C-alpha atoms as a PDB file:
ATOM      1  CA  UNK A   1     -15.925 -15.817  14.366  1.00  0.00           C
ATOM      2  CA  UNK A   2     -16.844 -13.322  17.076  1.00  0.00           C
ATOM      3  CA  UNK A   3     -18.822 -11.156  14.654  1.00  0.00           C
ATOM      4  CA  UNK A   4     -20.748 -14.194  13.475  1.00  0.00           C
ATOM      5  CA  UNK A   5     -21.349 -15.229  17.081  1.00  0.00           C
ATOM      6  CA  UNK A   6     -22.796 -11.861  18.114  1.00  0.00           C
ATOM      7  CA  UNK A   7     -24.895 -11.567  14.957  1.00  0.00           C
ATOM      8  CA  UNK A   8     -27.235 -14.251  16.321  1.00  0.00           C
ATOM      9  CA  UNK A   9     -30.580 -13.147  17.829  1.00  0.00           C
ATOM     10  CA  UNK A  10     -29.857 -14.983  21.072  1.00  0.00           C
ATOM     11  CA  UNK A  11     -26.401 -13.418  21.497  1.00  0.00           C
ATOM     12  CA  UNK A  12     -26.530  -9.763  20.447  1.00  0.00           C
ATOM     13  CA  UNK A  13     -28.082  -8.583  23.736  1.00  0.00           C
ATOM     14  CA  UNK A  14     -24.952  -9.837  25.537  1.00  0.00           C
ATOM     15  CA  UNK A  15     -23.124  -6.810  24.098  1.00  0.00           C
ATOM     16  CA  UNK A  16     -24.708  -4.800  26.876  1.00  0.00           C
ATOM     17  CA  UNK A  17     -21.755  -6.021  28.937  1.00  0.00           C
ATOM     18  CA  UNK A  18     -18.831  -3.574  28.998  1.00  0.00           C
ATOM     19  CA  UNK A  19     -16.339  -6.454  29.190  1.00  0.00           C
ATOM     20  CA  UNK A  20     -17.725  -8.118  26.065  1.00  0.00           C
ATOM     21  CA  UNK A  21     -17.755  -4.756  24.291  1.00  0.00           C
ATOM     22  CA  UNK A  22     -14.066  -4.316  25.092  1.00  0.00           C
ATOM     23  CA  UNK A  23     -13.310  -7.871  23.924  1.00  0.00           C
ATOM     24  CA  UNK A  24     -15.041  -7.358  20.572  1.00  0.00           C
ATOM     25  CA  UNK A  25     -13.385  -3.948  20.083  1.00  0.00           C
ATOM     26  CA  UNK A  26      -9.977  -5.488  20.715  1.00  0.00           C
ATOM     27  CA  UNK A  27     -10.678  -8.278  18.246  1.00  0.00           C
ATOM     28  CA  UNK A  28     -11.933  -5.925  15.531  1.00  0.00           C
ATOM     29  CA  UNK A  29      -9.736  -2.875  15.770  1.00  0.00           C
ATOM     30  CA  UNK A  30      -6.347  -3.937  17.111  1.00  0.00           C
ATOM     31  CA  UNK A  31      -4.104  -4.026  14.006  1.00  0.00           C
ATOM     32  CA  UNK A  32      -1.973  -7.023  14.907  1.00  0.00           C
ATOM     33  CA  UNK A  33       1.543  -7.677  13.639  1.00  0.00           C
ATOM     34  CA  UNK A  34       2.737  -5.353  10.874  1.00  0.00           C
ATOM     35  CA  UNK A  35       4.053  -6.791   7.601  1.00  0.00           C
ATOM     36  CA  UNK A  36       7.272  -4.994   6.775  1.00  0.00           C
ATOM     37  CA  UNK A  37       7.960  -6.637   3.392  1.00  0.00           C
ATOM     38  CA  UNK A  38       5.705  -6.214   0.374  1.00  0.00           C
ATOM     39  CA  UNK A  39       5.354  -9.982   0.019  1.00  0.00           C
ATOM     40  CA  UNK A  40       5.545 -12.773   2.560  1.00  0.00           C
ATOM     41  CA  UNK A  41       6.267 -16.477   2.397  1.00  0.00           C
ATOM     42  CA  UNK A  42       3.643 -19.009   3.323  1.00  0.00           C
ATOM     43  CA  UNK A  43       4.665 -21.460   6.051  1.00  0.00           C
ATOM     44  CA  UNK A  44       6.003 -24.777   4.787  1.00  0.00           C
ATOM     45  CA  UNK A  45       4.934 -26.733   7.833  1.00  0.00           C
ATOM     46  CA  UNK A  46       2.192 -26.728  10.440  1.00  0.00           C
ATOM     47  CA  UNK A  47       2.499 -25.503  13.083  1.00  0.00           C
ATOM     48  CA  UNK A  48       4.550 -22.670  11.587  1.00  0.00           C
ATOM     49  CA  UNK A  49       7.853 -21.844  13.294  1.00  0.00           C
ATOM     50  CA  UNK A  50       6.765 -18.170  13.658  1.00  0.00           C
ATOM     51  CA  UNK A  51       3.744 -15.917  13.282  1.00  0.00           C
ATOM     52  CA  UNK A  52       5.288 -13.846  10.492  1.00  0.00           C
ATOM     53  CA  UNK A  53       2.791 -15.227   7.953  1.00  0.00           C
ATOM     54  CA  UNK A  54      -0.063 -13.665   9.995  1.00  0.00           C
ATOM     55  CA  UNK A  55       1.313 -10.128   9.623  1.00  0.00           C
ATOM     56  CA  UNK A  56      -0.651  -7.625   7.515  1.00  0.00           C
ATOM     57  CA  UNK A  57       0.445  -4.370   5.824  1.00  0.00           C
ATOM     58  CA  UNK A  58      -2.506  -2.268   7.066  1.00  0.00           C
ATOM     59  CA  UNK A  59      -4.061  -4.155   9.965  1.00  0.00           C
ATOM     60  CA  UNK A  60      -6.302  -7.159  10.405  1.00  0.00           C
ATOM     61  CA  UNK A  61      -9.635  -5.427   9.734  1.00  0.00           C
ATOM     62  CA  UNK A  62      -8.391  -3.836   6.513  1.00  0.00           C
ATOM     63  CA  UNK A  63      -7.068  -7.242   5.483  1.00  0.00           C
ATOM     64  CA  UNK A  64     -10.477  -8.843   6.076  1.00  0.00           C
ATOM     65  CA  UNK A  65     -12.310  -6.095   4.166  1.00  0.00           C
ATOM     66  CA  UNK A  66     -10.049  -6.470   1.130  1.00  0.00           C
ATOM     67  CA  UNK A  67      -9.750 -10.277   1.087  1.00  0.00           C
ATOM     68  CA  UNK A  68     -13.176 -11.451   2.273  1.00  0.00           C
ATOM     69  CA  UNK A  69     -15.463  -8.445   2.838  1.00  0.00           C
ATOM     70  CA  UNK A  70     -18.641 -10.487   3.202  1.00  0.00           C
ATOM     71  CA  UNK A  71     -17.352 -12.125   6.382  1.00  0.00           C
ATOM     72  CA  UNK A  72     -17.290  -8.747   8.105  1.00  0.00           C
ATOM     73  CA  UNK A  73     -19.975  -6.710   6.364  1.00  0.00           C
ATOM     74  CA  UNK A  74     -22.787  -9.260   6.506  1.00  0.00           C
ATOM     75  CA  UNK A  75     -22.280  -9.818  10.219  1.00  0.00           C
ATOM     76  CA  UNK A  76     -22.126  -6.081  10.979  1.00  0.00           C
ATOM     77  CA  UNK A  77     -25.322  -5.385   9.032  1.00  0.00           C
ATOM     78  CA  UNK A  78     -27.067  -8.265  10.779  1.00  0.00           C
ATOM     79  CA  UNK A  79     -25.940  -6.994  14.190  1.00  0.00           C
ATOM     80  CA  UNK A  80     -27.394  -3.553  13.425  1.00  0.00           C
ATOM     81  CA  UNK A  81     -30.718  -5.131  12.414  1.00  0.00           C
ATOM     82  CA  UNK A  82     -30.849  -7.201  15.595  1.00  0.00           C
ATOM     83  CA  UNK A  83     -29.865  -4.234  17.761  1.00  0.00           C
ATOM     84  CA  UNK A  84     -32.771  -2.195  16.381  1.00  0.00           C
ATOM     85  CA  UNK A  85     -35.129  -5.022  17.343  1.00  0.00           C
ATOM     86  CA  UNK A  86     -33.990  -4.691  20.976  1.00  0.00           C
ATOM     87  CA  UNK A  87     -35.580  -1.228  21.220  1.00  0.00           C
ATOM     88  CA  UNK A  88     -38.220  -0.946  23.943  1.00  0.00           C
ATOM     89  CA  UNK A  89     -39.167   2.628  23.028  1.00  0.00           C
ATOM     90  CA  UNK A  90     -37.354   4.365  25.874  1.00  0.00           C
ATOM     91  CA  UNK A  91     -33.746   4.877  26.932  1.00  0.00           C
ATOM     92  CA  UNK A  92     -32.589   3.779  30.355  1.00  0.00           C
ATOM     93  CA  UNK A  93     -29.059   3.840  31.712  1.00  0.00           C
ATOM     94  CA  UNK A  94     -29.856   0.631  33.602  1.00  0.00           C
ATOM     95  CA  UNK A  95     -30.960  -1.291  30.501  1.00  0.00           C
ATOM     96  CA  UNK A  96     -28.440  -3.728  29.030  1.00  0.00           C
ATOM     97  CA  UNK A  97     -30.426  -3.714  25.781  1.00  0.00           C
ATOM     98  CA  UNK A  98     -29.962   0.070  25.473  1.00  0.00           C
ATOM     99  CA  UNK A  99     -26.270  -0.350  26.186  1.00  0.00           C
ATOM    100  CA  UNK A 100     -26.048  -3.032  23.487  1.00  0.00           C
ATOM    101  CA  UNK A 101     -27.812  -0.801  20.943  1.00  0.00           C
ATOM    102  CA  UNK A 102     -25.456   2.113  21.593  1.00  0.00           C
ATOM    103  CA  UNK A 103     -22.409  -0.148  21.390  1.00  0.00           C
ATOM    104  CA  UNK A 104     -23.507  -1.682  18.080  1.00  0.00           C
ATOM    105  CA  UNK A 105     -23.994   1.853  16.723  1.00  0.00           C
ATOM    106  CA  UNK A 106     -20.460   2.867  17.748  1.00  0.00           C
ATOM    107  CA  UNK A 107     -18.965  -0.312  16.345  1.00  0.00           C
ATOM    108  CA  UNK A 108     -20.859   0.049  13.042  1.00  0.00           C
ATOM    109  CA  UNK A 109     -19.742   3.678  12.629  1.00  0.00           C
ATOM    110  CA  UNK A 110     -16.105   2.732  13.229  1.00  0.00           C
ATOM    111  CA  UNK A 111     -16.330  -0.124  10.730  1.00  0.00           C
ATOM    112  CA  UNK A 112     -17.906   2.335   8.272  1.00  0.00           C
ATOM    113  CA  UNK A 113     -14.758   4.450   8.581  1.00  0.00           C
ATOM    114  CA  UNK A 114     -12.591   1.486   7.576  1.00  0.00           C
ATOM    115  CA  UNK A 115     -14.898   0.719   4.639  1.00  0.00           C
ATOM    116  CA  UNK A 116     -14.746   4.322   3.428  1.00  0.00           C
ATOM    117  CA  UNK A 117     -10.942   4.219   3.542  1.00  0.00           C
ATOM    118  CA  UNK A 118     -10.863   1.101   1.368  1.00  0.00           C
ATOM    119  CA  UNK A 119     -13.354   2.597  -1.107  1.00  0.00           C
ATOM    120  CA  UNK A 120     -11.331   5.827  -1.287  1.00  0.00           C
ATOM    121  CA  UNK A 121      -8.272   3.755  -2.245  1.00  0.00           C
ATOM    122  CA  UNK A 122     -10.276   1.992  -5.000  1.00  0.00           C
ATOM    123  CA  UNK A 123     -12.169   4.666  -7.006  1.00  0.00           C
ATOM    124  CA  UNK A 124     -14.973   3.558  -9.375  1.00  0.00           C
ATOM    125  CA  UNK A 125     -14.384   2.963 -13.084  1.00  0.00           C
ATOM    126  CA  UNK A 126     -10.686   2.384 -12.565  1.00  0.00           C
ATOM    127  CA  UNK A 127      -9.962   6.070 -11.969  1.00  0.00           C
ATOM    128  CA  UNK A 128      -6.733   6.768 -10.099  1.00  0.00           C
ATOM    129  CA  UNK A 129      -7.155   7.521  -6.369  1.00  0.00           C
ATOM    130  CA  UNK A 130      -6.933  11.142  -5.271  1.00  0.00           C
ATOM    131  CA  UNK A 131      -4.107  10.238  -2.887  1.00  0.00           C
ATOM    132  CA  UNK A 132      -1.577   7.427  -2.952  1.00  0.00           C
ATOM    133  CA  UNK A 133      -3.264   4.578  -1.049  1.00  0.00           C
ATOM    134  CA  UNK A 134      -1.528   2.732   1.734  1.00  0.00           C
ATOM    135  CA  UNK A 135      -0.252  -0.744   1.111  1.00  0.00           C
ATOM    136  CA  UNK A 136      -2.841  -3.459   1.603  1.00  0.00           C
ATOM    137  CA  UNK A 137      -5.992  -1.545   0.598  1.00  0.00           C
ATOM    138  CA  UNK A 138      -6.331  -2.692  -3.026  1.00  0.00           C
ATOM    139  CA  UNK A 139      -9.045  -5.241  -3.884  1.00  0.00           C
ATOM    140  CA  UNK A 140     -10.629  -6.869  -6.940  1.00  0.00           C
ATOM    141  CA  UNK A 141     -13.846  -5.734  -8.666  1.00  0.00           C
ATOM    142  CA  UNK A 142     -16.052  -8.436  -7.117  1.00  0.00           C
ATOM    143  CA  UNK A 143     -15.001  -7.542  -3.577  1.00  0.00           C
ATOM    144  CA  UNK A 144     -15.271  -3.841  -4.413  1.00  0.00           C
ATOM    145  CA  UNK A 145     -18.906  -4.275  -5.468  1.00  0.00           C
ATOM    146  CA  UNK A 146     -19.749  -6.077  -2.224  1.00  0.00           C
ATOM    147  CA  UNK A 147     -18.083  -3.366  -0.175  1.00  0.00           C
ATOM    148  CA  UNK A 148     -19.941  -0.578  -1.994  1.00  0.00           C
ATOM    149  CA  UNK A 149     -23.285  -2.280  -1.430  1.00  0.00           C
ATOM    150  CA  UNK A 150     -22.482  -2.743   2.243  1.00  0.00           C
ATOM    151  CA  UNK A 151     -21.449   0.900   2.577  1.00  0.00           C
ATOM    152  CA  UNK A 152     -24.775   2.083   1.141  1.00  0.00           C
ATOM    153  CA  UNK A 153     -26.799  -0.296   3.337  1.00  0.00           C
ATOM    154  CA  UNK A 154     -24.848   0.589   6.479  1.00  0.00           C
ATOM    155  CA  UNK A 155     -25.179   4.327   5.835  1.00  0.00           C
ATOM    156  CA  UNK A 156     -28.934   3.952   5.353  1.00  0.00           C
ATOM    157  CA  UNK A 157     -29.372   1.972   8.573  1.00  0.00           C
ATOM    158  CA  UNK A 158     -27.269   4.404  10.598  1.00  0.00           C
ATOM    159  CA  UNK A 159     -28.881   7.603   9.330  1.00  0.00           C
ATOM    160  CA  UNK A 160     -32.449   6.361   9.102  1.00  0.00           C
ATOM    161  CA  UNK A 161     -33.321   3.511  11.449  1.00  0.00           C
ATOM    162  CA  UNK A 162     -30.743   4.093  14.196  1.00  0.00           C
ATOM    163  CA  UNK A 163     -30.956   7.878  13.970  1.00  0.00           C
ATOM    164  CA  UNK A 164     -34.755   7.761  14.305  1.00  0.00           C
ATOM    165  CA  UNK A 165     -34.487   5.352  17.251  1.00  0.00           C
ATOM    166  CA  UNK A 166     -32.027   7.563  19.132  1.00  0.00           C
ATOM    167  CA  UNK A 167     -33.957  10.735  18.396  1.00  0.00           C
ATOM    168  CA  UNK A 168     -37.143   9.202  19.768  1.00  0.00           C
ATOM    169  CA  UNK A 169     -35.280   8.362  22.981  1.00  0.00           C
ATOM    170  CA  UNK A 170     -33.760  11.828  23.072  1.00  0.00           C
ATOM    171  CA  UNK A 171     -37.075  13.614  22.657  1.00  0.00           C
ATOM    172  CA  UNK A 172     -38.375  11.848  25.766  1.00  0.00           C
ATOM    173  CA  UNK A 173     -35.206  12.732  27.693  1.00  0.00           C
ATOM    174  CA  UNK A 174     -35.514  16.403  26.688  1.00  0.00           C
ATOM    175  CA  UNK A 175     -39.190  16.537  27.580  1.00  0.00           C
ATOM    176  CA  UNK A 176     -38.495  15.071  31.034  1.00  0.00           C
ATOM    177  CA  UNK A 177     -35.252  17.076  31.415  1.00  0.00           C
ATOM    178  CA  UNK A 178     -33.082  14.016  31.940  1.00  0.00           C
ATOM    179  CA  UNK A 179     -29.938  15.921  31.067  1.00  0.00           C
ATOM    180  CA  UNK A 180     -27.409  13.128  31.599  1.00  0.00           C
ATOM    181  CA  UNK A 181     -29.337  10.764  29.313  1.00  0.00           C
ATOM    182  CA  UNK A 182     -29.798  13.531  26.729  1.00  0.00           C
ATOM    183  CA  UNK A 183     -26.046  14.196  26.715  1.00  0.00           C
ATOM    184  CA  UNK A 184     -25.312  10.514  26.071  1.00  0.00           C
ATOM    185  CA  UNK A 185     -27.873  10.362  23.266  1.00  0.00           C
ATOM    186  CA  UNK A 186     -26.737  13.612  21.633  1.00  0.00           C
ATOM    187  CA  UNK A 187     -23.162  12.294  21.653  1.00  0.00           C
ATOM    188  CA  UNK A 188     -24.284   9.150  19.833  1.00  0.00           C
ATOM    189  CA  UNK A 189     -26.440  11.110  17.388  1.00  0.00           C
ATOM    190  CA  UNK A 190     -23.360  13.143  16.468  1.00  0.00           C
ATOM    191  CA  UNK A 191     -21.311   9.929  16.276  1.00  0.00           C
ATOM    192  CA  UNK A 192     -23.585   8.629  13.501  1.00  0.00           C
ATOM    193  CA  UNK A 193     -22.160  11.374  11.250  1.00  0.00           C
ATOM    194  CA  UNK A 194     -18.515  10.888  12.172  1.00  0.00           C
ATOM    195  CA  UNK A 195     -17.440  10.056   8.611  1.00  0.00           C
ATOM    196  CA  UNK A 196     -19.889  12.191   6.619  1.00  0.00           C
ATOM    197  CA  UNK A 197     -18.453  14.070   3.639  1.00  0.00           C
ATOM    198  CA  UNK A 198     -19.350  17.626   2.724  1.00  0.00           C
ATOM    199  CA  UNK A 199     -21.451  16.674  -0.300  1.00  0.00           C
ATOM    200  CA  UNK A 200     -23.536  14.332   1.907  1.00  0.00           C
ATOM    201  CA  UNK A 201     -24.569  16.962   4.462  1.00  0.00           C
ATOM    202  CA  UNK A 202     -28.322  17.514   4.466  1.00  0.00           C
ATOM    203  CA  UNK A 203     -30.582  19.279   6.951  1.00  0.00           C
ATOM    204  CA  UNK A 204     -30.746  16.246   9.224  1.00  0.00           C
ATOM    205  CA  UNK A 205     -26.966  15.962   9.500  1.00  0.00           C
ATOM    206  CA  UNK A 206     -26.481  19.730   9.754  1.00  0.00           C
ATOM    207  CA  UNK A 207     -29.026  20.316  12.513  1.00  0.00           C
ATOM    208  CA  UNK A 208     -28.104  17.142  14.422  1.00  0.00           C
ATOM    209  CA  UNK A 209     -24.413  18.009  14.611  1.00  0.00           C
ATOM    210  CA  UNK A 210     -25.141  21.624  15.595  1.00  0.00           C
ATOM    211  CA  UNK A 211     -27.687  20.656  18.265  1.00  0.00           C
ATOM    212  CA  UNK A 212     -25.359  17.998  19.676  1.00  0.00           C
ATOM    213  CA  UNK A 213     -22.362  20.312  19.876  1.00  0.00           C
ATOM    214  CA  UNK A 214     -24.203  23.197  21.518  1.00  0.00           C
ATOM    215  CA  UNK A 215     -26.203  20.976  23.876  1.00  0.00           C
ATOM    216  CA  UNK A 216     -23.133  19.075  25.068  1.00  0.00           C
ATOM    217  CA  UNK A 217     -21.155  22.281  25.424  1.00  0.00           C
ATOM    218  CA  UNK A 218     -23.830  23.678  27.728  1.00  0.00           C
ATOM    219  CA  UNK A 219     -24.854  20.587  29.681  1.00  0.00           C
ATOM    220  CA  UNK A 220     -21.917  18.177  29.859  1.00  0.00           C
ATOM    221  CA  UNK A 221     -18.775  18.681  31.902  1.00  0.00           C
ATOM    222  CA  UNK A 222     -15.809  17.866  29.696  1.00  0.00           C
ATOM    223  CA  UNK A 223     -12.713  17.167  31.757  1.00  0.00           C
ATOM    224  CA  UNK A 224     -10.181  15.988  29.192  1.00  0.00           C
ATOM    225  CA  UNK A 225      -7.156  18.159  29.901  1.00  0.00           C
ATOM    226  CA  UNK A 226      -4.168  17.455  27.637  1.00  0.00           C
ATOM    227  CA  UNK A 227      -1.813  19.574  29.747  1.00  0.00           C
ATOM    228  CA  UNK A 228      -2.463  17.825  33.047  1.00  0.00           C
ATOM    229  CA  UNK A 229       0.563  15.577  32.621  1.00  0.00           C
ATOM    230  CA  UNK A 230       2.898  18.559  32.362  1.00  0.00           C
ATOM    231  CA  UNK A 231       1.585  19.804  35.697  1.00  0.00           C
ATOM    232  CA  UNK A 232       2.243  16.506  37.435  1.00  0.00           C
ATOM    233  CA  UNK A 233      -1.467  15.759  37.924  1.00  0.00           C
ATOM    234  CA  UNK A 234      -2.016  13.081  35.310  1.00  0.00           C
ATOM    235  CA  UNK A 235      -5.216  11.132  35.844  1.00  0.00           C
ATOM    236  CA  UNK A 236      -5.232   7.375  36.221  1.00  0.00           C
ATOM    237  CA  UNK A 237      -6.642   5.095  33.537  1.00  0.00           C
ATOM    238  CA  UNK A 238      -9.540   4.337  35.886  1.00  0.00           C
ATOM    239  CA  UNK A 239     -10.420   8.034  36.194  1.00  0.00           C
ATOM    240  CA  UNK A 240     -10.263   8.479  32.417  1.00  0.00           C
ATOM    241  CA  UNK A 241     -12.460   5.410  31.883  1.00  0.00           C
ATOM    242  CA  UNK A 242     -15.093   6.734  34.306  1.00  0.00           C
ATOM    243  CA  UNK A 243     -15.063  10.112  32.544  1.00  0.00           C
ATOM    244  CA  UNK A 244     -15.435   8.592  29.067  1.00  0.00           C
ATOM    245  CA  UNK A 245     -18.118   6.164  30.268  1.00  0.00           C
ATOM    246  CA  UNK A 246     -20.424   9.098  31.008  1.00  0.00           C
ATOM    247  CA  UNK A 247     -20.933   9.569  27.243  1.00  0.00           C
ATOM    248  CA  UNK A 248     -20.167   6.022  26.155  1.00  0.00           C
ATOM    249  CA  UNK A 249     -17.162   7.096  24.073  1.00  0.00           C
ATOM    250  CA  UNK A 250     -13.822   8.887  24.542  1.00  0.00           C
ATOM    251  CA  UNK A 251     -14.255  12.635  24.849  1.00  0.00           C
ATOM    252  CA  UNK A 252     -11.352  13.150  22.455  1.00  0.00           C
ATOM    253  CA  UNK A 253     -13.196  11.185  19.766  1.00  0.00           C
ATOM    254  CA  UNK A 254     -16.176  13.492  20.166  1.00  0.00           C
ATOM    255  CA  UNK A 255     -13.913  16.552  19.937  1.00  0.00           C
ATOM    256  CA  UNK A 256     -12.491  15.102  16.728  1.00  0.00           C
ATOM    257  CA  UNK A 257     -15.962  14.860  15.166  1.00  0.00           C
ATOM    258  CA  UNK A 258     -16.823  18.485  15.884  1.00  0.00           C
ATOM    259  CA  UNK A 259     -13.416  19.740  14.754  1.00  0.00           C
ATOM    260  CA  UNK A 260     -13.496  17.669  11.562  1.00  0.00           C
ATOM    261  CA  UNK A 261     -16.893  18.984  10.487  1.00  0.00           C
ATOM    262  CA  UNK A 262     -16.668  22.586  11.711  1.00  0.00           C
ATOM    263  CA  UNK A 263     -15.758  24.161   8.357  1.00  0.00           C
ATOM    264  CA  UNK A 264     -18.110  21.863   6.435  1.00  0.00           C
ATOM    265  CA  UNK A 265     -21.019  22.943   8.617  1.00  0.00           C
ATOM    266  CA  UNK A 266     -20.131  26.622   8.300  1.00  0.00           C
ATOM    267  CA  UNK A 267     -20.103  26.384   4.506  1.00  0.00           C
ATOM    268  CA  UNK A 268     -23.436  24.520   4.558  1.00  0.00           C
ATOM    269  CA  UNK A 269     -24.983  27.214   6.775  1.00  0.00           C
ATOM    270  CA  UNK A 270     -23.838  29.981   4.451  1.00  0.00           C
ATOM    271  CA  UNK A 271     -24.964  28.153   1.318  1.00  0.00           C
ATOM    272  CA  UNK A 272     -28.553  27.604   2.471  1.00  0.00           C
ATOM    273  CA  UNK A 273     -30.107  30.448   4.535  1.00  0.00           C
ATOM    274  CA  UNK A 274     -33.457  28.634   4.929  1.00  0.00           C
ATOM    275  CA  UNK A 275     -31.834  25.561   6.448  1.00  0.00           C
ATOM    276  CA  UNK A 276     -29.618  27.842   8.558  1.00  0.00           C
ATOM    277  CA  UNK A 277     -32.626  29.585  10.087  1.00  0.00           C
ATOM    278  CA  UNK A 278     -34.417  26.307  10.812  1.00  0.00           C
ATOM    279  CA  UNK A 279     -31.273  24.676  12.241  1.00  0.00           C
ATOM    280  CA  UNK A 280     -30.585  27.593  14.587  1.00  0.00           C
ATOM    281  CA  UNK A 281     -34.146  27.514  15.894  1.00  0.00           C
ATOM    282  CA  UNK A 282     -33.740  23.757  16.449  1.00  0.00           C
ATOM    283  CA  UNK A 283     -30.598  24.471  18.488  1.00  0.00           C
ATOM    284  CA  UNK A 284     -32.511  26.949  20.660  1.00  0.00           C
ATOM    285  CA  UNK A 285     -35.366  24.471  21.241  1.00  0.00           C
ATOM    286  CA  UNK A 286     -33.129  21.570  22.222  1.00  0.00           C
ATOM    287  CA  UNK A 287     -30.746  23.551  24.438  1.00  0.00           C
ATOM    288  CA  UNK A 288     -33.650  25.129  26.324  1.00  0.00           C
ATOM    289  CA  UNK A 289     -35.574  21.796  26.403  1.00  0.00           C
ATOM    290  CA  UNK A 290     -38.646  23.510  24.929  1.00  0.00           C
ATOM    291  CA  UNK A 291     -38.998  21.160  21.987  1.00  0.00           C
ATOM    292  CA  UNK A 292     -37.374  18.503  19.821  1.00  0.00           C
ATOM    293  CA  UNK A 293     -34.998  19.072  16.938  1.00  0.00           C
ATOM    294  CA  UNK A 294     -37.779  18.362  14.417  1.00  0.00           C
ATOM    295  CA  UNK A 295     -41.267  19.635  15.236  1.00  0.00           C
ATOM    296  CA  UNK A 296     -44.327  17.522  14.576  1.00  0.00           C
ATOM    297  CA  UNK A 297     -46.494  18.677  11.681  1.00  0.00           C
ATOM    298  CA  UNK A 298     -49.275  19.869  14.030  1.00  0.00           C
ATOM    299  CA  UNK A 299     -46.902  21.905  16.199  1.00  0.00           C
ATOM    300  CA  UNK A 300     -44.996  23.257  13.207  1.00  0.00           C
ATOM    301  CA  UNK A 301     -48.248  24.641  11.789  1.00  0.00           C
ATOM    302  CA  UNK A 302     -48.763  26.701  14.952  1.00  0.00           C
ATOM    303  CA  UNK A 303     -45.185  27.949  15.220  1.00  0.00           C
ATOM    304  CA  UNK A 304     -44.029  31.319  13.962  1.00  0.00           C
ATOM    305  CA  UNK A 305     -41.750  31.464  10.958  1.00  0.00           C
ATOM    306  CA  UNK A 306     -38.089  30.915  11.883  1.00  0.00           C
ATOM    307  CA  UNK A 307     -36.203  34.114  12.521  1.00  0.00           C
ATOM    308  CA  UNK A 308     -33.500  35.199  10.121  1.00  0.00           C
ATOM    309  CA  UNK A 309     -30.066  34.326  11.508  1.00  0.00           C
ATOM    310  CA  UNK A 310     -26.996  36.224  10.319  1.00  0.00           C
ATOM    311  CA  UNK A 311     -23.319  36.116  11.175  1.00  0.00           C
ATOM    312  CA  UNK A 312     -22.235  38.719  13.690  1.00  0.00           C
ATOM    313  CA  UNK A 313     -20.580  41.600  11.867  1.00  0.00           C
ATOM    314  CA  UNK A 314     -17.110  42.749  12.739  1.00  0.00           C
ATOM    315  CA  UNK A 315     -13.994  41.199  14.150  1.00  0.00           C
ATOM    316  CA  UNK A 316     -14.232  37.454  14.903  1.00  0.00           C
ATOM    317  CA  UNK A 317     -17.826  37.327  13.708  1.00  0.00           C
ATOM    318  CA  UNK A 318     -17.272  34.273  11.497  1.00  0.00           C
ATOM    319  CA  UNK A 319     -19.478  31.422  12.695  1.00  0.00           C
ATOM    320  CA  UNK A 320     -21.218  33.507  15.379  1.00  0.00           C
ATOM    321  CA  UNK A 321     -24.879  33.688  14.404  1.00  0.00           C
ATOM    322  CA  UNK A 322     -27.501  36.042  15.805  1.00  0.00           C
ATOM    323  CA  UNK A 323     -31.237  36.242  15.047  1.00  0.00           C
ATOM    324  CA  UNK A 324     -32.427  39.361  13.249  1.00  0.00           C
ATOM    325  CA  UNK A 325     -33.808  40.983  16.423  1.00  0.00           C
ATOM    326  CA  UNK A 326     -30.590  40.462  18.395  1.00  0.00           C
ATOM    327  CA  UNK A 327     -28.435  41.562  15.464  1.00  0.00           C
ATOM    328  CA  UNK A 328     -30.399  44.806  15.195  1.00  0.00           C
ATOM    329  CA  UNK A 329     -30.030  45.496  18.913  1.00  0.00           C
ATOM    330  CA  UNK A 330     -26.281  44.770  18.762  1.00  0.00           C
ATOM    331  CA  UNK A 331     -25.812  47.058  15.760  1.00  0.00           C
ATOM    332  CA  UNK A 332     -27.755  49.851  17.472  1.00  0.00           C
ATOM    333  CA  UNK A 333     -25.745  49.446  20.666  1.00  0.00           C
ATOM    334  CA  UNK A 334     -22.448  49.630  18.777  1.00  0.00           C
ATOM    335  CA  UNK A 335     -23.593  52.703  16.886  1.00  0.00           C
ATOM    336  CA  UNK A 336     -24.490  54.502  20.117  1.00  0.00           C
ATOM    337  CA  UNK A 337     -21.271  53.597  21.963  1.00  0.00           C
ATOM    338  CA  UNK A 338     -19.135  56.779  22.183  1.00  0.00           C
ATOM    339  CA  UNK A 339     -15.572  56.542  20.924  1.00  0.00           C
ATOM    340  CA  UNK A 340     -12.645  57.500  23.118  1.00  0.00           C
ATOM    341  CA  UNK A 341     -10.328  60.384  22.217  1.00  0.00           C
ATOM    342  CA  UNK A 342      -7.572  59.701  19.710  1.00  0.00           C
ATOM    343  CA  UNK A 343      -4.962  60.220  22.418  1.00  0.00           C
ATOM    344  CA  UNK A 344      -6.377  57.250  24.282  1.00  0.00           C
ATOM    345  CA  UNK A 345      -5.734  54.921  21.322  1.00  0.00           C
ATOM    346  CA  UNK A 346      -2.229  56.266  20.880  1.00  0.00           C
ATOM    347  CA  UNK A 347      -1.287  55.528  24.468  1.00  0.00           C
ATOM    348  CA  UNK A 348      -1.432  59.161  25.643  1.00  0.00           C
ATOM    349  CA  UNK A 349      -3.561  60.564  28.424  1.00  0.00           C
ATOM    350  CA  UNK A 350      -7.296  60.533  27.655  1.00  0.00           C
END
């Protein structure tokens, strides 16, 4: 009911309110009562003597996606369409419409994760799943077809329309050096690819995730400290909420995205040197605020060819990339560094 309510043109802008965002998140993602038994009895009278018949084996949202997927998917797709229409062409932290757009993006990405889990438990052509699915994720062929179509449509809207919208905002923020706004937008650009699989990674996903990670690492102050509690300095929920609100999402969720895709990105960089060179130059441009991730055709024609980027040779060089000029200087410097006497390495006097 709430999804249908907010998928109306006159209501979607209300999701700029943090309180309404929290209410919709609680409705969508809280799992509800767990169903212990494999089967449950329907109530014989109304009102029922207990709420046991409302329990689900995998959570309420999974139950909705397997029993009546259209009720969720159609509303989510409609909300994304309406959110895109709220775009005024520029990001502002004071705009409730911008806040609503970013929230709808986060909500759609999280729903996409649930949809992917259901599809993974129901492979096409009746093939057995790669892992034993959890209870409550099986669905019939008609519902499976609807869910697959929704997954394709949602992925397209996230990675095309919403990605382009956010990148346009971000280019303005970079040009005007609005670092706080750029950090928020880079976090959401990375969030779009939270559930991407390795065979889906293209140049857009590769360069976006790399630019977001490096830019945030250099320009945002992360203060999530897991060991604070052991030191007796645990932060309050209010302090944590203020910290997470700076990016619009929990910092730990952003860490999860970068950690989940780290090896995938490294393999993609090694497999395609041309994309690697272009992606690394995009990282340099965005971090230094000298240009956008993707250059316009007119500017690209006047730019020099991307430098050749190689992994740093030697110990712990995996994933550390240097342009050809820097790599040559580093190799020359190492070659000219004099070695100490053998006695020094053996612990004796030099």
